[in-house]
C-alpha atoms as a PDB file:
ATOM      1  CA  MET A   1     143.473  39.589  57.266  1.00  0.00           C
ATOM      2  CA  GLN A   2     144.421  41.878  54.406  1.00  0.00           C
ATOM      3  CA  ASP A   3     140.939  41.460  52.933  1.00  0.00           C
ATOM      4  CA  LEU A   4     139.383  42.471  56.278  1.00  0.00           C
ATOM      5  CA  ILE A   5     141.493  45.614  56.427  1.00  0.00           C
ATOM      6  CA  ASN A   6     140.685  46.518  52.839  1.00  0.00           C
ATOM      7  CA  SER A   7     136.988  45.958  53.478  1.00  0.00           C
ATOM      8  CA  TYR A   8     137.134  48.158  56.584  1.00  0.00           C
ATOM      9  CA  PHE A   9     138.624  51.103  54.715  1.00  0.00           C
ATOM     10  CA  SER A  10     136.672  50.580  51.513  1.00  0.00           C
ATOM     11  CA  ASN A  11     133.336  50.643  53.303  1.00  0.00           C
ATOM     12  CA  GLY A  12     134.172  53.950  55.007  1.00  0.00           C
ATOM     13  CA  ARG A  13     133.672  52.598  58.522  1.00  0.00           C
ATOM     14  CA  TRP A  14     136.960  54.136  59.596  1.00  0.00           C
ATOM     15  CA  LEU A  15     135.564  57.546  58.768  1.00  0.00           C
ATOM     16  CA  ASP A  16     132.608  56.946  61.076  1.00  0.00           C
ATOM     17  CA  SER A  17     134.901  55.698  63.854  1.00  0.00           C
ATOM     18  CA  ALA A  18     137.274  58.629  63.465  1.00  0.00           C
ATOM     19  CA  ALA A  19     134.404  61.097  63.442  1.00  0.00           C
ATOM     20  CA  GLY A  20     132.857  59.527  66.534  1.00  0.00           C
ATOM     21  CA  PHE A  21     136.181  59.532  68.379  1.00  0.00           C
ATOM     22  CA  THR A  22     136.851  63.149  67.375  1.00  0.00           C
ATOM     23  CA  ILE A  23     133.447  64.232  68.647  1.00  0.00           C
ATOM     24  CA  ASN A  24     133.979  62.397  71.928  1.00  0.00           C
ATOM     25  CA  LEU A  25     137.476  63.853  72.293  1.00  0.00           C
ATOM     26  CA  VAL A  26     136.302  67.405  71.677  1.00  0.00           C
ATOM     27  CA  THR A  27     133.385  66.877  74.082  1.00  0.00           C
ATOM     28  CA  ALA A  28     135.738  65.479  76.754  1.00  0.00           C
ATOM     29  CA  ILE A  29     138.075  68.459  76.358  1.00  0.00           C
ATOM     30  CA  ILE A  30     135.157  70.879  76.659  1.00  0.00           C
ATOM     31  CA  ILE A  31     133.903  69.025  79.748  1.00  0.00           C
ATOM     32  CA  PHE A  32     137.358  69.187  81.320  1.00  0.00           C
ATOM     33  CA  VAL A  33     137.914  72.883  80.553  1.00  0.00           C
ATOM     34  CA  VAL A  34     134.452  73.991  81.636  1.00  0.00           C
ATOM     35  CA  GLY A  35     134.589  71.693  84.660  1.00  0.00           C
ATOM     36  CA  ARG A  36     137.919  73.151  85.776  1.00  0.00           C
ATOM     37  CA  TRP A  37     136.506  76.659  85.413  1.00  0.00           C
ATOM     38  CA  LEU A  38     133.426  75.789  87.468  1.00  0.00           C
ATOM     39  CA  ALA A  39     135.615  74.072  90.088  1.00  0.00           C
ATOM     40  CA  SER A  40     137.756  77.187  90.447  1.00  0.00           C
ATOM     41  CA  LYS A  41     134.628  79.302  90.939  1.00  0.00           C
ATOM     42  CA  VAL A  42     133.328  76.925  93.615  1.00  0.00           C
ATOM     43  CA  VAL A  43     136.672  76.951  95.436  1.00  0.00           C
ATOM     44  CA  ALA A  44     136.845  80.756  95.250  1.00  0.00           C
ATOM     45  CA  GLY A  45     133.322  81.056  96.657  1.00  0.00           C
ATOM     46  CA  ILE A  46     134.093  78.717  99.559  1.00  0.00           C
ATOM     47  CA  ASP A  47     137.302  80.650 100.248  1.00  0.00           C
ATOM     48  CA  LYS A  48     135.321  83.886 100.519  1.00  0.00           C
ATOM     49  CA  VAL A  49     132.942  82.275 103.003  1.00  0.00           C
ATOM     50  CA  MET A  50     135.886  81.028 105.108  1.00  0.00           C
ATOM     51  CA  ALA A  51     137.496  84.483 104.969  1.00  0.00           C
ATOM     52  CA  ARG A  52     134.295  86.135 106.227  1.00  0.00           C
ATOM     53  CA  ARG A  53     134.264  83.704 109.154  1.00  0.00           C
ATOM     54  CA  ASN A  54     137.900  84.562 109.978  1.00  0.00           C
ATOM     55  CA  MET A  55     139.153  81.013 109.550  1.00  0.00           C
ATOM     56  CA  ASP A  56     142.869  80.387 109.962  1.00  0.00           C
ATOM     57  CA  GLU A  57     144.919  81.123 106.824  1.00  0.00           C
ATOM     58  CA  VAL A  58     146.666  77.735 106.927  1.00  0.00           C
ATOM     59  CA  LEU A  59     143.323  75.926 107.163  1.00  0.00           C
ATOM     60  CA  ARG A  60     141.899  78.023 104.341  1.00  0.00           C
ATOM     61  CA  GLN A  61     144.763  77.137 102.041  1.00  0.00           C
ATOM     62  CA  PHE A  62     144.458  73.478 102.953  1.00  0.00           C
ATOM     63  CA  VAL A  63     140.710  73.373 102.251  1.00  0.00           C
ATOM     64  CA  LYS A  64     141.213  75.204  98.955  1.00  0.00           C
ATOM     65  CA  ASN A  65     143.916  72.795  97.820  1.00  0.00           C
ATOM     66  CA  VAL A  66     141.976  69.678  98.802  1.00  0.00           C
ATOM     67  CA  LEU A  67     138.764  70.888  97.179  1.00  0.00           C
ATOM     68  CA  GLY A  68     140.642  71.901  94.053  1.00  0.00           C
ATOM     69  CA  VAL A  69     142.238  68.460  93.700  1.00  0.00           C
ATOM     70  CA  LEU A  70     138.986  66.577  94.416  1.00  0.00           C
ATOM     71  CA  LEU A  71     136.889  68.629  91.986  1.00  0.00           C
ATOM     72  CA  THR A  72     139.545  68.350  89.274  1.00  0.00           C
ATOM     73  CA  PHE A  73     139.637  64.593  89.771  1.00  0.00           C
ATOM     74  CA  VAL A  74     135.839  64.367  89.425  1.00  0.00           C
ATOM     75  CA  VAL A  75     135.918  66.438  86.238  1.00  0.00           C
ATOM     76  CA  LEU A  76     138.713  64.245  84.854  1.00  0.00           C
ATOM     77  CA  LEU A  77     136.682  61.095  85.537  1.00  0.00           C
ATOM     78  CA  ILE A  78     133.659  62.546  83.723  1.00  0.00           C
ATOM     79  CA  ALA A  79     135.844  63.472  80.744  1.00  0.00           C
ATOM     80  CA  LEU A  80     137.428  60.012  80.603  1.00  0.00           C
ATOM     81  CA  GLU A  81     133.995  58.403  80.854  1.00  0.00           C
ATOM     82  CA  ARG A  82     132.959  60.428  77.810  1.00  0.00           C
ATOM     83  CA  LEU A  83     135.950  59.037  75.922  1.00  0.00           C
ATOM     84  CA  GLY A  84     134.843  55.520  76.729  1.00  0.00           C
ATOM     85  CA  VAL A  85     137.491  54.768  79.335  1.00  0.00           C
ATOM     86  CA  ASP A  86     136.424  52.285  82.016  1.00  0.00           C
ATOM     87  CA  THR A  87     136.776  54.459  85.142  1.00  0.00           C
ATOM     88  CA  THR A  88     135.671  51.669  87.489  1.00  0.00           C
ATOM     89  CA  SER A  89     138.988  49.864  87.124  1.00  0.00           C
ATOM     90  CA  LEU A  90     140.826  53.162  87.490  1.00  0.00           C
ATOM     91  CA  LEU A  91     138.996  53.937  90.734  1.00  0.00           C
ATOM     92  CA  ALA A  92     139.749  50.474  92.095  1.00  0.00           C
ATOM     93  CA  LEU A  93     143.422  50.899  91.277  1.00  0.00           C
ATOM     94  CA  LEU A  94     143.571  54.324  92.891  1.00  0.00           C
ATOM     95  CA  GLY A  95     141.751  53.004  95.963  1.00  0.00           C
ATOM     96  CA  ALA A  96     144.263  50.185  96.417  1.00  0.00           C
ATOM     97  CA  ALA A  97     147.158  52.604  95.960  1.00  0.00           C
ATOM     98  CA  GLY A  98     145.604  55.018  98.453  1.00  0.00           C
ATOM     99  CA  LEU A  99     145.214  52.255 101.028  1.00  0.00           C
ATOM    100  CA  ALA A 100     148.856  51.226 100.659  1.00  0.00           C
ATOM    101  CA  VAL A 101     150.032  54.829 100.963  1.00  0.00           C
ATOM    102  CA  GLY A 102     147.774  55.384 103.981  1.00  0.00           C
ATOM    103  CA  LEU A 103     149.216  52.398 105.826  1.00  0.00           C
ATOM    104  CA  ALA A 104     152.774  53.497 105.042  1.00  0.00           C
ATOM    105  CA  LEU A 105     152.117  57.058 106.183  1.00  0.00           C
ATOM    106  CA  LYS A 106     149.940  56.229 109.195  1.00  0.00           C
ATOM    107  CA  ASP A 107     151.836  58.465 111.642  1.00  0.00           C
ATOM    108  CA  SER A 108     152.008  61.355 109.189  1.00  0.00           C
ATOM    109  CA  LEU A 109     148.294  61.098 108.463  1.00  0.00           C
ATOM    110  CA  SER A 110     147.595  61.064 112.210  1.00  0.00           C
ATOM    111  CA  ASN A 111     149.587  64.285 112.617  1.00  0.00           C
ATOM    112  CA  PHE A 112     147.820  65.729 109.591  1.00  0.00           C
ATOM    113  CA  ALA A 113     144.359  64.940 110.971  1.00  0.00           C
ATOM    114  CA  ALA A 114     145.314  66.393 114.365  1.00  0.00           C
ATOM    115  CA  GLY A 115     146.605  69.533 112.638  1.00  0.00           C
ATOM    116  CA  VAL A 116     143.269  69.999 110.898  1.00  0.00           C
ATOM    117  CA  MET A 117     141.447  69.625 114.236  1.00  0.00           C
ATOM    118  CA  LEU A 118     143.769  72.136 115.930  1.00  0.00           C
ATOM    119  CA  LEU A 119     143.218  74.679 113.169  1.00  0.00           C
ATOM    120  CA  LEU A 120     139.481  74.042 113.155  1.00  0.00           C
ATOM    121  CA  PHE A 121     138.719  74.129 116.892  1.00  0.00           C
ATOM    122  CA  LYS A 122     141.599  76.457 117.893  1.00  0.00           C
ATOM    123  CA  PRO A 123     142.425  75.461 121.482  1.00  0.00           C
ATOM    124  CA  PHE A 124     145.290  77.958 121.132  1.00  0.00           C
ATOM    125  CA  ARG A 125     146.582  80.536 118.671  1.00  0.00           C
ATOM    126  CA  ALA A 126     149.958  81.850 117.581  1.00  0.00           C
ATOM    127  CA  GLY A 127     151.405  83.911 120.441  1.00  0.00           C
ATOM    128  CA  ASP A 128     149.742  81.922 123.241  1.00  0.00           C
ATOM    129  CA  PHE A 129     151.831  80.465 126.064  1.00  0.00           C
ATOM    130  CA  VAL A 130     150.789  76.824 126.363  1.00  0.00           C
ATOM    131  CA  GLU A 131     151.697  73.475 127.845  1.00  0.00           C
ATOM    132  CA  ALA A 132     150.916  70.786 125.276  1.00  0.00           C
ATOM    133  CA  GLY A 133     152.360  67.530 123.993  1.00  0.00           C
ATOM    134  CA  GLY A 134     154.868  67.371 126.840  1.00  0.00           C
ATOM    135  CA  SER A 135     156.359  70.787 125.991  1.00  0.00           C
ATOM    136  CA  THR A 136     155.847  74.325 127.285  1.00  0.00           C
ATOM    137  CA  GLY A 137     156.391  77.482 125.284  1.00  0.00           C
ATOM    138  CA  ILE A 138     154.964  80.243 123.107  1.00  0.00           C
ATOM    139  CA  VAL A 139     153.169  79.030 119.987  1.00  0.00           C
ATOM    140  CA  GLU A 140     154.784  80.503 116.879  1.00  0.00           C
ATOM    141  CA  LYS A 141     153.184  78.506 114.065  1.00  0.00           C
ATOM    142  CA  ILE A 142     150.523  75.822 113.737  1.00  0.00           C
ATOM    143  CA  GLY A 143     151.371  73.653 110.745  1.00  0.00           C
ATOM    144  CA  MET A 144     149.581  70.724 109.172  1.00  0.00           C
ATOM    145  CA  PHE A 145     151.947  68.164 110.727  1.00  0.00           C
ATOM    146  CA  THR A 146     153.751  69.918 113.592  1.00  0.00           C
ATOM    147  CA  THR A 147     153.293  72.923 115.852  1.00  0.00           C
ATOM    148  CA  GLN A 148     156.302  75.199 116.281  1.00  0.00           C
ATOM    149  CA  MET A 149     156.866  76.559 119.790  1.00  0.00           C
ATOM    150  CA  ARG A 150     159.491  78.810 121.408  1.00  0.00           C
ATOM    151  CA  THR A 151     160.638  77.993 124.928  1.00  0.00           C
ATOM    152  CA  PRO A 152     161.273  80.725 127.522  1.00  0.00           C
ATOM    153  CA  ASP A 153     165.039  80.298 126.928  1.00  0.00           C
ATOM    154  CA  ASN A 154     164.493  80.934 123.184  1.00  0.00           C
ATOM    155  CA  CYS A 155     164.792  77.368 121.888  1.00  0.00           C
ATOM    156  CA  GLU A 156     162.619  76.210 119.006  1.00  0.00           C
ATOM    157  CA  ILE A 157     160.512  73.061 119.486  1.00  0.00           C
ATOM    158  CA  ASN A 158     158.506  71.299 116.784  1.00  0.00           C
ATOM    159  CA  VAL A 159     155.871  69.128 118.460  1.00  0.00           C
ATOM    160  CA  PRO A 160     153.902  66.536 116.406  1.00  0.00           C
ATOM    161  CA  ASN A 161     150.266  67.562 116.233  1.00  0.00           C
ATOM    162  CA  ALA A 162     149.073  64.073 117.202  1.00  0.00           C
ATOM    163  CA  ASN A 163     150.976  64.345 120.494  1.00  0.00           C
ATOM    164  CA  ILE A 164     149.310  67.682 121.221  1.00  0.00           C
ATOM    165  CA  TYR A 165     145.747  66.714 120.341  1.00  0.00           C
ATOM    166  CA  SER A 166     145.869  63.406 122.228  1.00  0.00           C
ATOM    167  CA  ASP A 167     147.179  65.047 125.418  1.00  0.00           C
ATOM    168  CA  THR A 168     145.926  67.679 127.841  1.00  0.00           C
ATOM    169  CA  ILE A 169     146.358  71.243 126.554  1.00  0.00           C
ATOM    170  CA  VAL A 170     146.906  74.016 129.109  1.00  0.00           C
ATOM    171  CA  ASN A 171     146.589  77.480 127.577  1.00  0.00           C
ATOM    172  CA  TYR A 172     147.958  80.063 130.017  1.00  0.00           C
ATOM    173  CA  SER A 173     147.083  82.925 127.669  1.00  0.00           C
ATOM    174  CA  ALA A 174     143.450  82.018 127.043  1.00  0.00           C
ATOM    175  CA  LYS A 175     141.992  84.137 129.869  1.00  0.00           C
ATOM    176  CA  PRO A 176     142.605  87.851 130.481  1.00  0.00           C
ATOM    177  CA  THR A 177     143.402  87.328 134.181  1.00  0.00           C
ATOM    178  CA  ARG A 178     145.329  84.777 136.245  1.00  0.00           C
ATOM    179  CA  ARG A 179     145.704  84.034 139.938  1.00  0.00           C
ATOM    180  CA  ILE A 180     149.111  83.921 141.595  1.00  0.00           C
ATOM    181  CA  ASP A 181     149.394  81.149 144.178  1.00  0.00           C
ATOM    182  CA  LEU A 182     152.099  81.640 146.808  1.00  0.00           C
ATOM    183  CA  VAL A 183     152.706  79.630 149.960  1.00  0.00           C
ATOM    184  CA  ILE A 184     154.593  81.646 152.616  1.00  0.00           C
ATOM    185  CA  GLY A 185     155.731  79.978 155.832  1.00  0.00           C
ATOM    186  CA  ILE A 186     156.538  81.765 159.114  1.00  0.00           C
ATOM    187  CA  GLY A 187     157.935  80.387 162.343  1.00  0.00           C
ATOM    188  CA  TYR A 188     155.686  79.131 165.133  1.00  0.00           C
ATOM    189  CA  GLY A 189     157.114  81.799 167.431  1.00  0.00           C
ATOM    190  CA  ASP A 190     156.295  84.713 165.091  1.00  0.00           C
ATOM    191  CA  ASP A 191     153.338  87.064 165.431  1.00  0.00           C
ATOM    192  CA  LEU A 192     150.591  85.663 163.176  1.00  0.00           C
ATOM    193  CA  LYS A 193     148.602  88.924 162.943  1.00  0.00           C
ATOM    194  CA  LYS A 194     151.704  90.947 162.166  1.00  0.00           C
ATOM    195  CA  ALA A 195     152.656  88.599 159.325  1.00  0.00           C
ATOM    196  CA  ARG A 196     149.149  88.781 157.873  1.00  0.00           C
ATOM    197  CA  ASP A 197     149.161  92.588 158.011  1.00  0.00           C
ATOM    198  CA  VAL A 198     152.529  92.718 156.245  1.00  0.00           C
ATOM    199  CA  LEU A 199     151.314  90.444 153.473  1.00  0.00           C
ATOM    200  CA  GLN A 200     148.125  92.466 153.047  1.00  0.00           C
ATOM    201  CA  ARG A 201     150.079  95.709 152.918  1.00  0.00           C
ATOM    202  CA  LEU A 202     152.385  94.395 150.202  1.00  0.00           C
ATOM    203  CA  VAL A 203     149.457  93.166 148.132  1.00  0.00           C
ATOM    204  CA  ASP A 204     147.597  96.479 148.462  1.00  0.00           C
ATOM    205  CA  ALA A 205     150.694  98.483 147.518  1.00  0.00           C
ATOM    206  CA  ASP A 206     151.131  96.849 144.097  1.00  0.00           C
ATOM    207  CA  SER A 207     148.960  98.655 141.548  1.00  0.00           C
ATOM    208  CA  ARG A 208     149.201  95.726 139.116  1.00  0.00           C
ATOM    209  CA  ILE A 209     147.236  93.502 141.489  1.00  0.00           C
ATOM    210  CA  LEU A 210     143.506  93.613 140.751  1.00  0.00           C
ATOM    211  CA  LYS A 211     141.002  94.707 143.371  1.00  0.00           C
ATOM    212  CA  ASP A 212     138.316  92.461 141.916  1.00  0.00           C
ATOM    213  CA  PRO A 213     138.483  89.543 142.516  1.00  0.00           C
ATOM    214  CA  GLU A 214     139.864  90.309 145.945  1.00  0.00           C
ATOM    215  CA  ALA A 215     143.166  88.727 146.963  1.00  0.00           C
ATOM    216  CA  VAL A 216     143.001  85.869 149.462  1.00  0.00           C
ATOM    217  CA  ILE A 217     145.443  85.827 152.393  1.00  0.00           C
ATOM    218  CA  ALA A 218     144.809  83.036 154.891  1.00  0.00           C
ATOM    219  CA  VAL A 219     146.502  80.480 157.119  1.00  0.00           C
ATOM    220  CA  SER A 220     146.343  77.222 155.200  1.00  0.00           C
ATOM    221  CA  GLU A 221     148.419  74.747 157.171  1.00  0.00           C
ATOM    222  CA  LEU A 222     150.204  74.114 160.423  1.00  0.00           C
ATOM    223  CA  ALA A 223     153.174  72.358 158.880  1.00  0.00           C
ATOM    224  CA  ASP A 224     156.041  70.493 160.542  1.00  0.00           C
ATOM    225  CA  SER A 225     158.393  73.484 160.565  1.00  0.00           C
ATOM    226  CA  SER A 226     156.188  76.493 159.820  1.00  0.00           C
ATOM    227  CA  VAL A 227     152.778  78.105 159.841  1.00  0.00           C
ATOM    228  CA  ASN A 228     151.875  78.433 156.147  1.00  0.00           C
ATOM    229  CA  PHE A 229     149.977  81.332 154.596  1.00  0.00           C
ATOM    230  CA  VAL A 230     148.430  81.192 151.134  1.00  0.00           C
ATOM    231  CA  VAL A 231     148.701  84.466 149.214  1.00  0.00           C
ATOM    232  CA  ARG A 232     146.462  84.486 146.128  1.00  0.00           C
ATOM    233  CA  PRO A 233     146.173  87.803 144.287  1.00  0.00           C
ATOM    234  CA  TRP A 234     144.682  88.211 140.786  1.00  0.00           C
ATOM    235  CA  VAL A 235     146.545  89.991 138.002  1.00  0.00           C
ATOM    236  CA  LYS A 236     146.321  90.519 134.260  1.00  0.00           C
ATOM    237  CA  THR A 237     147.779  87.571 132.373  1.00  0.00           C
ATOM    238  CA  ALA A 238     150.523  89.720 130.862  1.00  0.00           C
ATOM    239  CA  ASP A 239     151.662  90.809 134.365  1.00  0.00           C
ATOM    240  CA  TYR A 240     151.689  87.344 135.935  1.00  0.00           C
ATOM    241  CA  TRP A 241     155.410  86.585 136.107  1.00  0.00           C
ATOM    242  CA  ASP A 242     156.539  90.151 136.854  1.00  0.00           C
ATOM    243  CA  VAL A 243     154.143  90.436 139.799  1.00  0.00           C
ATOM    244  CA  ARG A 244     154.935  86.949 141.089  1.00  0.00           C
ATOM    245  CA  TRP A 245     158.693  87.530 141.125  1.00  0.00           C
ATOM    246  CA  SER A 246     158.381  91.060 142.522  1.00  0.00           C
ATOM    247  CA  LEU A 247     155.941  90.061 145.279  1.00  0.00           C
ATOM    248  CA  THR A 248     158.103  87.108 146.359  1.00  0.00           C
ATOM    249  CA  GLU A 249     161.160  89.337 146.644  1.00  0.00           C
ATOM    250  CA  GLN A 250     159.287  92.043 148.570  1.00  0.00           C
ATOM    251  CA  ILE A 251     157.890  89.499 151.039  1.00  0.00           C
ATOM    252  CA  LYS A 252     161.369  88.202 151.854  1.00  0.00           C
ATOM    253  CA  GLN A 253     162.851  91.704 152.249  1.00  0.00           C
ATOM    254  CA  THR A 254     159.946  92.999 154.365  1.00  0.00           C
ATOM    255  CA  PHE A 255     159.897  89.928 156.607  1.00  0.00           C
ATOM    256  CA  ASP A 256     163.608  90.423 157.278  1.00  0.00           C
ATOM    257  CA  LYS A 257     163.027  94.064 158.258  1.00  0.00           C
ATOM    258  CA  GLU A 258     160.053  93.189 160.467  1.00  0.00           C
ATOM    259  CA  GLY A 259     161.868  90.343 162.163  1.00  0.00           C
ATOM    260  CA  ILE A 260     159.520  87.662 160.825  1.00  0.00           C
ATOM    261  CA  SER A 261     161.302  84.398 160.147  1.00  0.00           C
ATOM    262  CA  ILE A 262     160.812  82.139 157.161  1.00  0.00           C
ATOM    263  CA  PRO A 263     161.871  78.736 158.490  1.00  0.00           C
ATOM    264  CA  TYR A 264     163.238  75.972 156.368  1.00  0.00           C
ATOM    265  CA  PRO A 265     162.503  72.286 156.912  1.00  0.00           C
ATOM    266  CA  GLN A 266     164.553  70.951 159.811  1.00  0.00           C
ATOM    267  CA  GLN A 267     164.685  68.106 162.253  1.00  0.00           C
ATOM    268  CA  ASP A 268     165.665  68.142 165.903  1.00  0.00           C
ATOM    269  CA  VAL A 269     167.801  65.185 166.917  1.00  0.00           C
ATOM    270  CA  HIS A 270     167.796  64.424 170.665  1.00  0.00           C
ATOM    271  CA  MET A 271     170.566  62.191 171.983  1.00  0.00           C
ATOM    272  CA  HIS A 272     170.136  60.384 175.258  1.00  0.00           C
ATOM    273  CA  GLN A 273     173.069  58.801 176.999  1.00  0.00           C
ATOM    274  CA  VAL A 274     172.194  55.423 178.440  1.00  0.00           C
ATOM    275  CA  GLU A 275     174.605  53.776 180.856  1.00  0.00           C
ATOM    276  CA  ALA A 276     175.183  50.190 180.059  1.00  0.00           C
ATOM    277  CA  THR A 277     174.787  47.735 182.933  1.00  0.00           C
ATOM    278  CA  TYR A 278     177.073  44.776 182.957  1.00  0.00           C
ATOM    279  CA  GLN A 279     176.466  41.785 185.145  1.00  0.00           C
ATOM    280  CA  ALA A 280     179.575  39.931 186.145  1.00  0.00           C
ATOM    281  CA  ASP A 281     179.538  36.276 185.409  1.00  0.00           C
ATOM    282  CA  ALA A 282     179.261  34.144 188.459  1.00  0.00           C
ATOM    283  CA  ALA A 283     182.556  32.606 189.311  1.00  0.00           C
END
């Protein structure tokens, strides 16, 4: 063994090996440094393209981070390959580890994927009033795993993105106008034309109600206890609740002044007295 070592050093083979390793090491370092620089330029260029297309800031940061990590990993593999490292085994090991982590974090990855889809397709934005994932509120922040919402009574809700994306999303703020749907019942003994004229007058008097599309006022149902009108005016989305509450109050007050009743569900119970007939037993 000693003779083999002496022969190795005496023949100068160690100098060749050291020189070859040094060259490979320097080359690998250069590949890594230059590769990182090129990766940063690619990421910066893609970020500029996303900025010009007005992509969401959270999505932009996510894409930048993912691309940065992936490109750095590719550059690292090329550098290790130059050093003579067997990257095939390394990739197999990383793949097995990734599979194990993916199975353990299945729910988190589902929320993450849904968050990417929400940021990419944008069914709603921050500030919109939505019904999604079983919750209703104003969207404050769309994160990668959860969406933060504020309820009308000022409570904060964090809804998992997977729940939102897998369910129906109702965005009340998406359109500039909304229709108010009211059902107003009057008694069967009340003047139908008079009630219609009152409703029309109240709708025409509110300047927040749009003239186009025209409001619909019509008899919709002859119910058990009332004759029902539908009142359907159109308003700007921002005025929806104010107009709805105001119009409902004005209808009640005006009907009271005009002597038009608003009946409530009731039942008439008729009692009939029946005389019992008894037949005496035969003696």
